[in-house]
N, C-alpha and C. Protein backbone atom coordinates (compact mmCIF):
# COMPACT_ATOMS: atom_id res chain seq x y z
N UNK A 1 -12.03 -26.58 23.20
CA UNK A 1 -12.37 -24.91 23.46
C UNK A 1 -12.05 -25.06 21.51
N UNK A 2 -12.74 -24.50 20.88
CA UNK A 2 -12.88 -23.76 19.53
C UNK A 2 -12.12 -22.91 19.34
N UNK A 3 -11.55 -23.00 17.72
CA UNK A 3 -10.55 -22.23 17.31
C UNK A 3 -11.23 -20.80 16.70
N UNK A 4 -11.32 -19.69 17.22
CA UNK A 4 -11.94 -18.75 16.70
C UNK A 4 -11.27 -18.53 14.84
N UNK A 5 -12.10 -18.93 13.68
CA UNK A 5 -11.49 -18.00 12.27
C UNK A 5 -11.75 -17.12 11.67
N UNK A 6 -10.59 -16.34 12.17
CA UNK A 6 -11.38 -14.77 11.44
C UNK A 6 -10.77 -14.81 9.85
N UNK A 7 -11.66 -14.70 9.07
CA UNK A 7 -11.70 -14.33 7.54
C UNK A 7 -11.26 -12.64 7.58
N UNK A 8 -10.52 -12.63 6.97
CA UNK A 8 -9.27 -11.31 6.27
C UNK A 8 -10.37 -11.19 4.50
N UNK A 9 -11.15 -10.52 5.00
CA UNK A 9 -11.85 -9.85 3.21
C UNK A 9 -10.97 -9.12 2.68
N UNK A 10 -11.35 -8.83 1.15
CA UNK A 10 -10.44 -8.82 0.33
C UNK A 10 -11.32 -7.09 0.08
N UNK A 11 -10.59 -6.69 0.39
CA UNK A 11 -10.38 -4.31 -0.03
C UNK A 11 -10.43 -4.09 -1.24
N UNK A 12 -11.80 -2.90 -1.19
CA UNK A 12 -10.71 -2.43 -3.16
C UNK A 12 -10.08 -1.50 -2.73
N UNK A 13 -9.53 -1.41 -1.57
CA UNK A 13 -8.19 -0.30 -0.97
C UNK A 13 -6.86 -0.82 -0.94
N UNK A 14 -5.29 -0.59 -1.16
CA UNK A 14 -4.59 -1.37 -0.79
C UNK A 14 -3.75 -0.03 -0.05
N UNK A 15 -2.50 -0.37 0.59
CA UNK A 15 -1.44 0.63 0.97
C UNK A 15 -0.48 1.18 0.07
N UNK A 16 -0.42 2.49 0.02
CA UNK A 16 -0.10 2.92 -1.25
C UNK A 16 -0.83 2.91 -2.46
N UNK A 17 -1.76 2.78 -2.45
CA UNK A 17 -2.95 3.32 -3.43
C UNK A 17 -3.16 4.89 -3.58
N UNK A 18 -3.72 5.31 -4.18
CA UNK A 18 -3.96 7.26 -4.17
C UNK A 18 -5.53 7.53 -3.95
N UNK A 19 -6.01 7.96 -3.53
CA UNK A 19 -7.30 7.45 -3.05
C UNK A 19 -8.09 9.04 -3.36
N UNK A 20 -9.66 9.17 -3.12
CA UNK A 20 -10.58 10.29 -3.06
C UNK A 20 -11.65 10.30 -1.76
N UNK A 21 -11.51 10.84 -0.85
CA UNK A 21 -11.86 11.23 -0.12
C UNK A 21 -14.03 11.24 -0.55
N UNK A 22 -14.79 10.45 -0.50
CA UNK A 22 -15.68 10.71 -0.87
C UNK A 22 -17.04 11.19 -0.21
N UNK A 23 -16.49 11.71 1.34
CA UNK A 23 -18.09 12.00 2.41
C UNK A 23 -17.10 12.34 3.28
N UNK A 24 -17.77 13.04 4.56
CA UNK A 24 -17.45 13.13 5.09
C UNK A 24 -16.51 14.74 5.36
N UNK A 25 -15.62 15.57 6.35
CA UNK A 25 -15.06 16.71 6.66
C UNK A 25 -14.66 17.02 5.57
N UNK A 26 -13.18 15.55 5.20
CA UNK A 26 -12.17 15.79 4.48
C UNK A 26 -12.77 15.49 2.89
N UNK A 27 -13.89 15.46 2.32
CA UNK A 27 -14.62 15.42 1.21
C UNK A 27 -13.74 16.38 0.31
N UNK A 28 -13.12 15.04 -0.76
CA UNK A 28 -12.53 15.98 -2.25
C UNK A 28 -11.25 15.86 -1.93
N UNK A 29 -10.97 15.79 -0.36
CA UNK A 29 -9.39 15.18 -0.55
C UNK A 29 -8.87 14.32 -1.45
N UNK A 30 -7.93 14.44 -1.76
CA UNK A 30 -6.67 13.26 -2.55
C UNK A 30 -5.40 12.85 -1.44
N UNK A 31 -5.21 11.81 -1.93
CA UNK A 31 -4.19 11.28 -0.74
C UNK A 31 -3.50 9.96 -1.12
N UNK A 32 -2.20 9.33 -0.63
CA UNK A 32 -2.12 8.31 -0.49
C UNK A 32 -2.42 7.45 0.94
N UNK A 33 -2.44 6.48 0.77
CA UNK A 33 -2.99 5.47 2.03
C UNK A 33 -1.85 4.99 2.51
N UNK A 34 -1.81 5.67 3.95
CA UNK A 34 -0.26 5.01 5.03
C UNK A 34 -0.71 3.81 5.63
N UNK A 35 -1.92 3.56 5.96
CA UNK A 35 -1.89 2.13 6.70
C UNK A 35 -3.74 1.87 6.48
N UNK A 36 -3.77 0.43 6.20
CA UNK A 36 -5.28 -0.07 6.00
C UNK A 36 -5.32 -0.89 7.66
N UNK A 37 -6.24 -0.68 8.17
CA UNK A 37 -6.63 -1.04 9.48
C UNK A 37 -8.20 -2.03 9.07
N UNK A 38 -7.76 -3.49 8.94
CA UNK A 38 -8.58 -4.16 8.56
C UNK A 38 -9.81 -5.19 9.62
N UNK A 39 -9.37 -5.05 10.77
CA UNK A 39 -10.06 -5.10 11.36
C UNK A 39 -11.77 -4.58 11.58
N UNK A 40 -11.01 -2.81 11.34
CA UNK A 40 -12.45 -1.95 12.05
C UNK A 40 -12.67 -1.64 10.14
N UNK A 41 -12.27 -2.42 8.93
CA UNK A 41 -12.34 -1.47 7.71
C UNK A 41 -12.42 -0.34 7.96
N UNK A 42 -10.91 0.57 8.12
CA UNK A 42 -10.43 1.55 8.27
C UNK A 42 -9.25 2.08 7.44
N UNK A 43 -8.80 3.19 7.08
CA UNK A 43 -7.78 3.27 6.38
C UNK A 43 -6.99 4.78 7.05
N UNK A 44 -5.80 4.92 6.84
CA UNK A 44 -5.37 6.30 7.41
C UNK A 44 -4.86 6.72 5.63
N UNK A 45 -5.17 8.19 5.66
CA UNK A 45 -4.92 8.99 4.21
C UNK A 45 -4.13 9.93 4.91
N UNK A 46 -2.68 10.09 3.79
CA UNK A 46 -1.85 11.08 4.30
C UNK A 46 -2.63 12.40 3.85
N UNK A 47 -2.53 13.60 4.57
CA UNK A 47 -3.52 14.94 4.79
C UNK A 47 -4.79 14.81 4.43
N UNK A 48 -5.70 13.99 4.98
CA UNK A 48 -6.76 13.93 4.86
C UNK A 48 -6.98 13.75 6.42
N UNK A 49 -8.73 14.48 6.37
CA UNK A 49 -8.86 14.02 7.92
C UNK A 49 -8.03 14.17 9.21
N UNK A 50 -7.37 14.96 8.97
CA UNK A 50 -6.39 15.93 10.43
C UNK A 50 -7.22 16.09 11.82
N UNK A 51 -6.42 15.61 12.49
CA UNK A 51 -6.74 15.85 14.02
C UNK A 51 -5.58 16.32 14.58
N UNK A 52 -6.22 17.21 15.35
CA UNK A 52 -5.09 17.91 16.71
C UNK A 52 -5.45 16.51 18.12
N UNK A 53 -3.96 16.76 18.54
CA UNK A 53 -3.74 15.51 19.75
C UNK A 53 -2.49 16.52 20.87
N UNK A 54 -3.07 16.83 22.24
CA UNK A 54 -1.83 17.18 22.70
C UNK A 54 -0.87 16.47 23.45
N UNK A 55 0.38 16.55 23.28
CA UNK A 55 1.72 15.66 23.57
C UNK A 55 1.84 16.39 24.83
N UNK A 56 2.46 15.65 25.98
CA UNK A 56 2.10 15.70 26.98
C UNK A 56 4.15 15.80 27.06
N UNK A 57 4.61 16.46 28.00
CA UNK A 57 5.98 16.78 27.55
C UNK A 57 6.66 15.28 27.71
N UNK A 58 7.69 15.05 27.63
CA UNK A 58 8.66 13.65 28.13
C UNK A 58 9.96 13.69 27.75
N UNK A 59 10.76 12.12 28.04
CA UNK A 59 11.90 13.11 27.76
C UNK A 59 12.25 12.91 26.07
N UNK A 60 11.66 12.21 25.50
CA UNK A 60 11.63 12.27 24.03
C UNK A 60 11.37 13.54 23.07
N UNK A 61 10.36 14.47 23.62
CA UNK A 61 9.92 15.55 23.40
C UNK A 61 9.51 16.47 24.51
N UNK A 62 11.07 17.10 24.90
CA UNK A 62 10.30 18.65 26.59
C UNK A 62 9.43 18.93 25.79
N UNK A 63 9.61 19.45 25.08
CA UNK A 63 8.53 20.56 24.79
C UNK A 63 7.28 20.23 25.11
N UNK A 64 6.69 19.05 24.48
CA UNK A 64 5.22 18.52 24.22
C UNK A 64 4.71 19.66 23.33
N UNK A 65 3.58 19.76 23.75
CA UNK A 65 2.37 20.76 22.22
C UNK A 65 2.12 20.22 21.79
N UNK A 66 0.94 20.72 20.79
CA UNK A 66 0.24 20.55 20.00
C UNK A 66 0.06 19.64 18.69
N UNK A 67 0.09 18.22 18.33
CA UNK A 67 0.02 17.81 17.26
C UNK A 67 -0.67 17.97 16.16
N UNK A 68 -0.44 17.40 14.87
CA UNK A 68 -1.60 17.41 13.83
C UNK A 68 -1.35 15.89 13.44
N UNK A 69 -2.37 15.38 13.24
CA UNK A 69 -2.29 13.41 12.85
C UNK A 69 -3.46 13.45 11.44
N UNK A 70 -3.27 12.65 10.78
CA UNK A 70 -4.08 12.28 10.29
C UNK A 70 -5.38 10.71 10.75
N UNK A 71 -6.69 11.36 10.96
CA UNK A 71 -7.31 10.17 11.70
C UNK A 71 -7.74 8.74 10.58
N UNK A 72 -8.03 8.04 11.09
CA UNK A 72 -9.13 7.00 10.40
C UNK A 72 -10.35 7.34 9.48
N UNK A 73 -10.13 6.35 8.25
CA UNK A 73 -11.56 6.66 7.50
C UNK A 73 -12.41 5.23 7.27
N UNK A 74 -12.88 5.45 7.10
CA UNK A 74 -13.78 4.13 6.90
C UNK A 74 -13.41 3.75 4.82
N UNK A 75 -13.38 2.89 5.08
CA UNK A 75 -13.15 2.48 3.45
C UNK A 75 -14.54 3.04 2.76
N UNK A 76 -15.50 2.75 3.25
CA UNK A 76 -16.50 3.08 2.04
C UNK A 76 -16.22 4.35 1.64
N UNK A 77 -15.92 4.85 2.35
CA UNK A 77 -16.21 6.67 1.66
C UNK A 77 -14.71 6.88 0.92
N UNK A 78 -14.26 5.79 0.53
CA UNK A 78 -12.55 6.36 -0.42
C UNK A 78 -12.79 5.41 -1.71
N UNK A 79 -12.43 6.26 -2.45
CA UNK A 79 -11.96 5.72 -4.50
C UNK A 79 -11.06 5.58 -4.32
N UNK A 80 -10.71 4.52 -5.37
CA UNK A 80 -9.49 4.74 -5.80
C UNK A 80 -9.90 5.65 -7.37
N UNK A 81 -8.25 6.51 -7.04
CA UNK A 81 -7.54 7.65 -8.82
C UNK A 81 -7.44 7.21 -9.10
N UNK A 82 -7.86 7.21 -10.72
CA UNK A 82 -6.68 7.13 -11.49
C UNK A 82 -6.74 8.21 -12.73
N UNK A 83 -5.86 8.74 -13.36
CA UNK A 83 -5.79 9.86 -14.51
C UNK A 83 -6.65 10.96 -13.75
N UNK A 84 -6.01 11.20 -12.28
CA UNK A 84 -7.19 12.25 -11.81
C UNK A 84 -8.68 11.97 -11.20
N UNK A 85 -8.96 10.78 -11.85
CA UNK A 85 -10.21 10.77 -11.20
C UNK A 85 -10.68 9.55 -10.71
N UNK A 86 -11.98 9.85 -9.35
CA UNK A 86 -12.13 8.87 -8.80
C UNK A 86 -13.06 7.78 -9.54
N UNK A 87 -12.30 6.18 -9.40
CA UNK A 87 -13.00 5.04 -10.60
C UNK A 87 -13.98 4.19 -8.75
N UNK A 88 -14.99 3.21 -10.22
CA UNK A 88 -15.20 2.25 -8.96
C UNK A 88 -14.01 0.80 -9.50
N UNK A 89 -14.19 0.17 -8.52
CA UNK A 89 -12.95 -0.89 -9.25
C UNK A 89 -13.80 -2.65 -8.50
N UNK A 90 -13.17 -3.14 -9.59
CA UNK A 90 -14.00 -4.41 -9.41
C UNK A 90 -13.15 -5.94 -8.86
N UNK A 91 -13.06 -6.64 -9.45
CA UNK A 91 -11.87 -7.94 -9.22
C UNK A 91 -12.58 -8.96 -10.64
N UNK A 92 -12.09 -9.04 -11.32
CA UNK A 92 -11.61 -10.25 -12.62
C UNK A 92 -10.17 -10.94 -12.74
N UNK A 93 -10.80 -12.11 -13.22
CA UNK A 93 -9.23 -13.15 -13.75
C UNK A 93 -8.53 -12.31 -14.28
N UNK A 94 -6.84 -12.24 -14.35
CA UNK A 94 -6.28 -11.56 -15.27
C UNK A 94 -5.67 -12.58 -16.26
N UNK A 95 -4.85 -12.56 -17.20
CA UNK A 95 -4.06 -13.76 -17.84
C UNK A 95 -3.51 -14.32 -17.40
N UNK A 96 -2.75 -14.37 -16.47
CA UNK A 96 -2.86 -15.82 -15.53
C UNK A 96 -3.65 -16.50 -14.73
N UNK A 97 -4.89 -16.03 -14.93
CA UNK A 97 -5.74 -16.90 -13.82
C UNK A 97 -6.15 -16.25 -12.35
N UNK A 98 -5.38 -15.05 -11.83
CA UNK A 98 -5.94 -14.28 -10.80
C UNK A 98 -6.33 -13.87 -10.81
N UNK A 99 -7.25 -13.61 -9.59
CA UNK A 99 -8.39 -12.40 -9.25
C UNK A 99 -7.37 -10.83 -9.13
N UNK A 100 -8.00 -10.10 -10.08
CA UNK A 100 -6.79 -9.09 -9.82
C UNK A 100 -7.62 -7.62 -10.12
N UNK A 101 -7.51 -6.58 -9.51
CA UNK A 101 -8.32 -5.49 -8.92
C UNK A 101 -8.36 -4.89 -10.95
N UNK A 102 -9.55 -3.79 -10.76
CA UNK A 102 -9.32 -3.39 -12.48
C UNK A 102 -10.68 -1.98 -12.18
N UNK A 103 -10.47 -1.39 -13.15
CA UNK A 103 -10.84 -0.04 -12.94
C UNK A 103 -12.32 -0.19 -13.90
N UNK A 104 -13.88 -0.38 -13.03
CA UNK A 104 -15.15 -0.38 -13.80
C UNK A 104 -14.82 0.96 -15.03
N UNK A 105 -14.25 2.32 -14.85
CA UNK A 105 -13.95 2.83 -16.05
C UNK A 105 -13.45 2.88 -17.32
N UNK A 106 -12.54 2.19 -16.80
CA UNK A 106 -11.51 2.33 -18.36
C UNK A 106 -11.29 0.59 -18.85
N UNK A 107 -11.59 0.05 -17.34
CA UNK A 107 -11.39 -2.21 -17.62
C UNK A 107 -10.05 -2.32 -17.98
N UNK A 108 -8.97 -1.17 -17.18
CA UNK A 108 -7.56 -1.91 -17.47
C UNK A 108 -7.27 -2.08 -15.64
N UNK A 109 -6.53 -3.12 -15.34
CA UNK A 109 -6.05 -3.59 -14.50
C UNK A 109 -5.51 -2.40 -13.44
N UNK A 110 -5.45 -2.82 -12.16
CA UNK A 110 -5.01 -1.95 -11.49
C UNK A 110 -4.10 -2.50 -10.98
N UNK A 111 -2.80 -1.56 -11.16
CA UNK A 111 -1.78 -2.72 -10.20
C UNK A 111 -1.08 -2.90 -9.06
């Protein structure tokens, strides 16, 4: 049997980035990325794409009820925010010879 090699693609966003939603129901909202799901190319953004979930009563939550939680958004619908504006990003070599993300609007490297 052959082993399947799963190649991870480099994404233009990562956990902790401040992003703006550019398409969908949450268009225009900004928030911090809480989680990136690389297998599905999706991300969970704080405060965007809120969904309601009905929760059954349990031992830890005896009341149950309705919860609001963030749903995932496809990464093609997200742009990194720099100085309050959504900017396109690219990759180029930094001084140390390592690929790093940069803002195409200003040309500055993104940490």
